[in-house]
Protein backbone atom coordinates (compact mmCIF):
# COMPACT_ATOMS: atom_id res chain seq x y z
CA MET A 1 -3.97 23.39 59.73
CA LYS A 2 -7.32 23.36 57.87
CA LYS A 3 -6.08 26.05 55.32
CA THR A 4 -3.00 23.94 54.58
CA GLN A 5 -5.08 20.94 53.83
CA ILE A 6 -7.32 22.78 51.53
CA ASN A 7 -4.31 24.20 49.72
CA GLN A 8 -2.88 20.66 49.37
CA ILE A 9 -6.15 19.50 47.84
CA LYS A 10 -6.15 22.33 45.38
CA VAL A 11 -2.62 21.48 44.36
CA ALA A 12 -3.60 17.78 43.93
CA ILE A 13 -6.58 18.81 41.72
CA VAL A 14 -4.46 20.95 39.51
CA ALA A 15 -1.91 18.27 39.14
CA LEU A 16 -4.53 15.69 38.17
CA PHE A 17 -5.94 18.13 35.58
CA PHE A 18 -2.54 18.46 33.90
CA ILE A 19 -1.84 14.74 33.99
CA GLY A 20 -5.29 14.16 32.53
CA ALA A 21 -4.75 16.67 29.79
CA ALA A 22 -1.37 15.21 28.87
CA CYS A 23 -2.76 11.74 28.61
CA LYS A 24 -5.56 12.98 26.60
CA LYS A 25 -3.20 14.78 24.26
CA LYS A 26 -1.04 11.72 23.86
CA GLU A 27 -3.97 9.62 23.02
CA SER A 28 -5.19 11.98 20.51
CA THR A 29 -1.86 12.12 18.80
CA SER A 30 -1.41 8.26 18.59
CA ASN A 31 -4.85 8.08 17.05
CA GLN A 32 -4.02 10.40 14.12
CA ASP A 33 -2.27 7.63 12.14
CA GLU A 34 -4.91 7.58 9.45
CA THR A 35 -4.72 11.32 8.70
CA VAL A 36 -0.91 11.88 8.85
CA ASN A 37 -0.04 15.06 6.84
CA ARG A 38 3.01 16.24 8.50
CA ALA A 39 6.81 15.77 7.58
CA ASP A 40 6.17 12.06 8.23
CA THR A 41 4.55 11.64 4.74
CA ILE A 42 7.38 11.19 2.16
CA LEU A 43 5.22 10.35 -0.82
CA ASN A 44 1.59 11.17 -1.41
CA VAL A 45 0.00 10.30 -4.77
CA THR A 46 -3.61 11.76 -4.69
CA TYR A 47 -4.08 12.47 -8.42
CA GLU A 48 -6.16 15.41 -7.57
CA ASN A 49 -4.47 17.63 -10.34
CA GLY A 50 -5.70 15.20 -13.00
CA ALA A 51 -2.12 14.05 -14.04
CA LEU A 52 -1.24 10.50 -14.56
CA SER A 53 1.99 11.13 -12.54
CA SER A 54 -0.06 13.14 -9.86
CA GLY A 55 2.54 15.82 -10.71
CA ILE A 56 5.30 14.00 -8.77
CA THR A 57 8.77 13.81 -10.48
CA GLY A 58 9.68 10.00 -10.58
CA VAL A 59 6.10 8.58 -10.62
CA THR A 60 5.21 6.78 -13.95
CA SER A 61 1.88 5.73 -15.18
CA THR A 62 2.52 2.74 -17.41
CA ASN A 63 4.87 1.30 -20.05
CA ALA A 64 2.13 -0.27 -22.04
CA THR A 65 1.30 1.54 -25.20
CA ALA A 66 -2.44 1.23 -25.49
CA PRO A 67 -4.02 4.69 -25.02
CA ASP A 68 -6.33 3.45 -22.29
CA ALA A 69 -3.71 1.29 -20.38
CA ALA A 70 -3.56 4.10 -17.92
CA TYR A 71 -6.27 6.86 -17.65
CA MET A 72 -7.82 9.25 -15.18
CA VAL A 73 -11.27 8.55 -13.57
CA LYS A 74 -13.43 11.46 -12.63
CA PRO A 75 -15.00 11.41 -10.21
CA ALA A 76 -13.24 8.64 -8.24
CA GLY A 77 -16.35 7.70 -6.21
CA ASN A 78 -14.50 7.74 -2.94
CA GLY A 79 -14.61 11.35 -2.11
CA SER A 80 -11.73 12.29 -4.38
CA ASN A 81 -11.95 14.18 -7.66
CA TYR A 82 -9.51 11.81 -9.54
CA ALA A 83 -8.09 8.26 -9.38
CA ILE A 84 -6.03 6.30 -11.87
CA ALA A 85 -7.25 3.39 -13.72
CA HIS A 86 -5.01 0.71 -15.32
CA LYS A 87 -6.23 -1.70 -17.92
CA ILE A 88 -4.99 -4.92 -19.47
CA VAL A 89 -6.40 -7.15 -22.19
CA PHE A 90 -5.08 -10.68 -22.58
CA GLY A 91 -3.75 -11.34 -26.02
CA ASP A 92 -3.36 -7.71 -27.06
CA PRO A 93 0.38 -6.59 -27.13
CA ALA A 94 -0.62 -3.05 -26.65
CA TYR A 95 -1.29 -3.87 -22.97
CA GLU A 96 2.04 -5.66 -22.49
CA SER A 97 5.08 -4.30 -20.78
CA ASP A 98 8.53 -6.00 -20.65
CA GLY A 99 7.08 -9.11 -22.32
CA SER A 100 4.15 -9.61 -19.83
CA VAL A 101 0.60 -8.56 -19.77
CA ARG A 102 0.61 -5.62 -17.45
CA SER A 103 0.00 -2.00 -16.92
CA GLU A 104 1.60 -0.60 -13.78
CA SER A 105 2.68 2.75 -12.26
CA ASP A 106 5.78 2.77 -10.14
CA ALA A 107 7.86 5.29 -8.08
CA ILE A 108 11.31 3.78 -8.63
CA ALA A 109 12.57 7.10 -9.86
CA ALA A 110 11.18 9.05 -6.96
CA ALA A 111 14.01 9.46 -4.48
CA ASN A 112 11.92 9.59 -1.27
CA ALA A 113 9.89 6.62 -2.28
CA LYS A 114 12.92 4.13 -2.43
CA PHE A 115 13.63 1.96 0.59
CA TYR A 116 16.66 0.29 1.90
CA PRO A 117 17.56 -2.03 4.90
CA GLY A 118 17.12 0.01 8.08
CA ASP A 119 14.19 2.07 6.78
CA GLU A 120 10.98 1.80 8.73
CA ARG A 121 7.91 2.69 6.46
CA ARG A 122 4.17 2.68 6.14
CA TYR A 123 2.57 2.11 2.80
CA GLU A 124 -1.13 2.83 2.18
CA PHE A 125 -3.19 2.57 -1.12
CA SER A 126 -6.81 2.28 -2.11
CA VAL A 127 -8.08 0.06 -4.90
CA LEU A 128 -11.30 -0.57 -6.63
CA LEU A 129 -11.69 -3.66 -8.89
CA LYS A 130 -13.77 -2.33 -11.88
CA ASP A 131 -16.42 -4.82 -13.16
CA TRP A 132 -13.95 -7.79 -12.11
CA THR A 133 -14.97 -10.98 -13.77
CA PRO A 134 -15.35 -13.70 -11.30
CA TRP A 135 -13.27 -16.87 -11.42
CA LEU A 136 -15.44 -19.91 -12.37
CA SER A 137 -13.08 -22.93 -13.03
CA GLY A 138 -9.75 -23.93 -14.29
CA PRO A 139 -6.12 -22.85 -13.12
CA THR A 140 -5.42 -20.07 -10.71
CA TYR A 141 -4.59 -17.02 -12.71
CA GLU A 142 -3.37 -14.36 -10.30
CA THR A 143 -3.41 -10.60 -10.97
CA ASN A 144 -1.14 -8.36 -9.02
CA ILE A 145 -2.54 -5.01 -7.79
CA PHE A 146 0.23 -3.78 -5.59
CA GLN A 147 3.80 -4.63 -5.09
CA LEU A 148 6.63 -3.85 -2.56
CA LYS A 149 9.43 -4.79 -4.87
CA VAL A 150 13.23 -5.00 -4.88
CA SER A 151 15.00 -4.19 -8.05
CA GLY A 152 17.50 -6.66 -9.70
CA ASN A 153 20.55 -6.26 -11.81
CA SER A 154 22.88 -8.15 -14.17
CA THR A 155 24.93 -9.58 -11.31
CA SER A 156 22.28 -10.47 -8.64
CA GLY A 157 18.80 -11.42 -8.62
CA SER A 158 16.30 -10.00 -6.14
CA GLY A 159 12.80 -10.65 -4.79
CA VAL A 160 9.43 -9.17 -4.14
CA PRO A 161 8.92 -8.85 -0.54
CA LEU A 162 5.20 -8.47 -0.76
CA GLN A 163 2.55 -8.67 -3.43
CA PHE A 164 -1.26 -8.16 -3.15
CA ARG A 165 -2.79 -10.45 -5.67
CA THR A 166 -6.18 -11.77 -6.81
CA ALA A 167 -6.40 -15.46 -7.07
CA ARG A 168 -9.48 -17.22 -8.14
CA ASN A 169 -12.05 -15.02 -6.10
CA ALA A 170 -9.77 -14.33 -3.13
CA MET A 171 -7.45 -11.54 -2.31
CA ARG A 172 -4.03 -12.77 -1.17
CA LEU A 173 -0.66 -11.70 0.21
CA ARG A 174 2.36 -13.47 -1.44
CA TYR A 175 5.67 -13.05 0.17
CA GLU A 176 9.14 -13.19 -1.27
CA GLY A 177 9.96 -16.33 -3.16
CA SER A 178 6.35 -17.56 -2.52
CA SER A 179 7.64 -18.66 0.80
CA SER A 180 4.42 -17.70 2.42
CA ILE A 181 0.81 -17.08 0.97
CA LYS A 182 -2.17 -15.87 2.83
CA ASP A 183 -5.80 -15.19 1.56
CA ILE A 184 -6.95 -12.11 3.44
CA ILE A 185 -10.27 -11.70 1.58
CA PRO A 186 -11.84 -15.04 0.91
CA ASP A 187 -14.60 -13.77 -1.60
CA LEU A 188 -13.76 -10.63 -3.50
CA ARG A 189 -16.92 -10.71 -5.38
CA LEU A 190 -18.63 -9.13 -2.40
CA TYR A 191 -16.52 -5.97 -2.91
CA VAL A 192 -16.27 -5.53 -6.70
CA ASN A 193 -16.78 -1.78 -7.74
CA GLN A 194 -16.16 -0.74 -4.10
CA TRP A 195 -13.16 0.90 -2.63
CA MET A 196 -10.96 -1.15 -0.34
CA HIS A 197 -7.98 0.32 1.75
CA PHE A 198 -4.73 -1.40 2.73
CA ARG A 199 -1.88 -0.52 4.81
CA VAL A 200 1.56 -2.20 5.40
CA ASP A 201 4.00 -1.30 8.29
CA VAL A 202 7.59 -2.55 7.59
CA LEU A 203 10.98 -2.38 9.11
CA TRP A 204 13.26 -3.24 6.25
CA LYS A 205 15.97 -5.54 7.18
CA ASP A 206 18.36 -7.83 5.23
CA ASP A 207 18.50 -10.20 8.20
CA ALA A 208 15.96 -11.90 10.43
CA THR A 209 15.21 -8.76 12.46
CA GLY A 210 12.53 -7.06 10.47
CA TYR A 211 8.79 -7.05 10.65
CA MET A 212 5.83 -6.68 8.22
CA ARG A 213 2.27 -5.97 9.36
CA THR A 214 -0.55 -5.89 6.82
CA TYR A 215 -3.95 -4.15 7.61
CA MET A 216 -7.08 -3.58 5.54
CA LYS A 217 -10.27 -1.50 5.83
CA LEU A 218 -13.07 -2.89 3.75
CA PRO A 219 -16.36 -1.26 2.93
CA GLY A 220 -18.42 -0.72 6.03
CA GLN A 221 -15.44 -0.81 8.23
CA SER A 222 -14.32 2.26 10.20
CA ALA A 223 -10.80 1.29 11.05
CA TYR A 224 -7.99 -0.75 9.85
CA VAL A 225 -7.83 -4.38 10.91
CA LEU A 226 -4.56 -6.35 11.27
CA VAL A 227 -4.76 -9.35 8.70
CA ASP A 228 -1.14 -10.75 8.77
CA GLU A 229 2.06 -10.12 10.56
CA LYS A 230 5.51 -11.42 10.38
CA THR A 231 8.24 -10.65 12.94
CA ASN A 232 11.90 -11.57 13.21
CA TYR A 233 11.71 -11.72 9.51
CA ARG A 234 14.05 -10.89 6.65
CA THR A 235 12.06 -8.30 4.72
CA PHE A 236 14.50 -6.79 2.26
CA ALA A 237 14.88 -9.33 -0.55
CA GLY A 238 18.26 -8.04 -2.08
CA ASP A 239 21.69 -6.74 -1.69
CA VAL A 240 22.31 -2.95 -1.72
CA LYS A 241 25.93 -3.61 -2.41
CA VAL A 242 25.27 -4.70 -5.99
CA GLY A 243 22.74 -2.11 -6.52
CA ASN A 244 19.38 -3.52 -5.36
CA LEU A 245 16.96 -0.99 -4.15
CA GLY A 246 13.30 -1.08 -2.88
CA TYR A 247 10.31 0.64 -4.63
CA ILE A 248 6.55 0.33 -5.07
CA LYS A 249 4.30 -0.62 -8.09
CA TRP A 250 0.58 -0.37 -8.47
CA GLY A 251 -1.73 -1.24 -11.32
CA VAL A 252 -2.74 -4.55 -12.95
CA TYR A 253 -0.31 -7.43 -13.87
CA GLY A 254 -1.34 -10.77 -15.21
CA THR A 255 -4.57 -12.31 -16.44
CA GLN A 256 -5.98 -15.28 -18.29
CA THR A 257 -7.29 -15.97 -21.72
CA GLY A 258 -10.20 -13.92 -22.79
CA LEU A 259 -10.16 -11.52 -19.70
CA THR A 260 -9.96 -7.80 -19.40
CA ARG A 261 -8.78 -6.42 -16.00
CA ILE A 262 -9.25 -2.82 -14.79
CA ALA A 263 -8.37 -1.53 -11.36
CA TYR A 264 -8.63 1.97 -9.97
CA HIS A 265 -5.94 3.12 -7.47
CA ASP A 266 -5.92 6.16 -5.28
CA ASP A 267 -4.09 7.65 -2.20
CA ILE A 268 -0.80 5.89 -2.50
CA ARG A 269 1.22 7.02 0.43
CA ILE A 270 4.53 6.28 2.03
CA ILE A 271 5.05 7.39 5.60
CA LYS A 272 8.11 7.42 7.79
CA LEU A 273 7.92 5.41 10.87
CA PRO A 274 7.75 5.81 13.77
CA LEU A 275 5.23 8.65 13.64
CA LYS A 276 6.54 11.95 15.15
């Protein structure tokens, strides 16, 4: 009888060991979301080869004609060898593209980077606002630094589901049609010339069943923090039946009289969700 009890105890201990190991493994896997490097990653723009396209077919650098509208920064100051810089100068047509003051990269021609209703994706990017001139007074001139955009065509308009924009001295999220605006960094002056990191998880839907969650990790923070969330929400601002498709853009777009804007971008990444 005593021997049977001892054997039962041994079996119980072994079972607990395997349960504990399984739980630990599951927890470890779920915490790897910041270092995903498996098949989940469908676009990874690191610029580590020193090319303005990061060597990726379908990634562009800028349509502005100025030689320094887009250029490589080495070292990047964030642990990387390279990052891309975009520059605009108000009043100089060499820093204009499609009739606006802007210099932006995009991945509209990268097949894996496009998104459509039903896709679930994570978008990440890092940005440094180089010698960013603070706002003092007057109108709010906003500058785009990253966009989740839907293309338009001759028969149908479309929208921009999400924009990261500087406005006065704040960083804000602007949703499609300006239906919602939220300032997520009240005072950007605290972080000029420092790397900031952002993440957006999205379920792309053309009806009110999607979601969009935005996170950020500021200098001094060790983990991403949720800063805004929309659920039961129409995230795809377009119509695929007439050719609308989703893509990403990053750089600088828009400024006010007399200002030059420069932003560095690095580690632009798109990841399939849910993680495997």
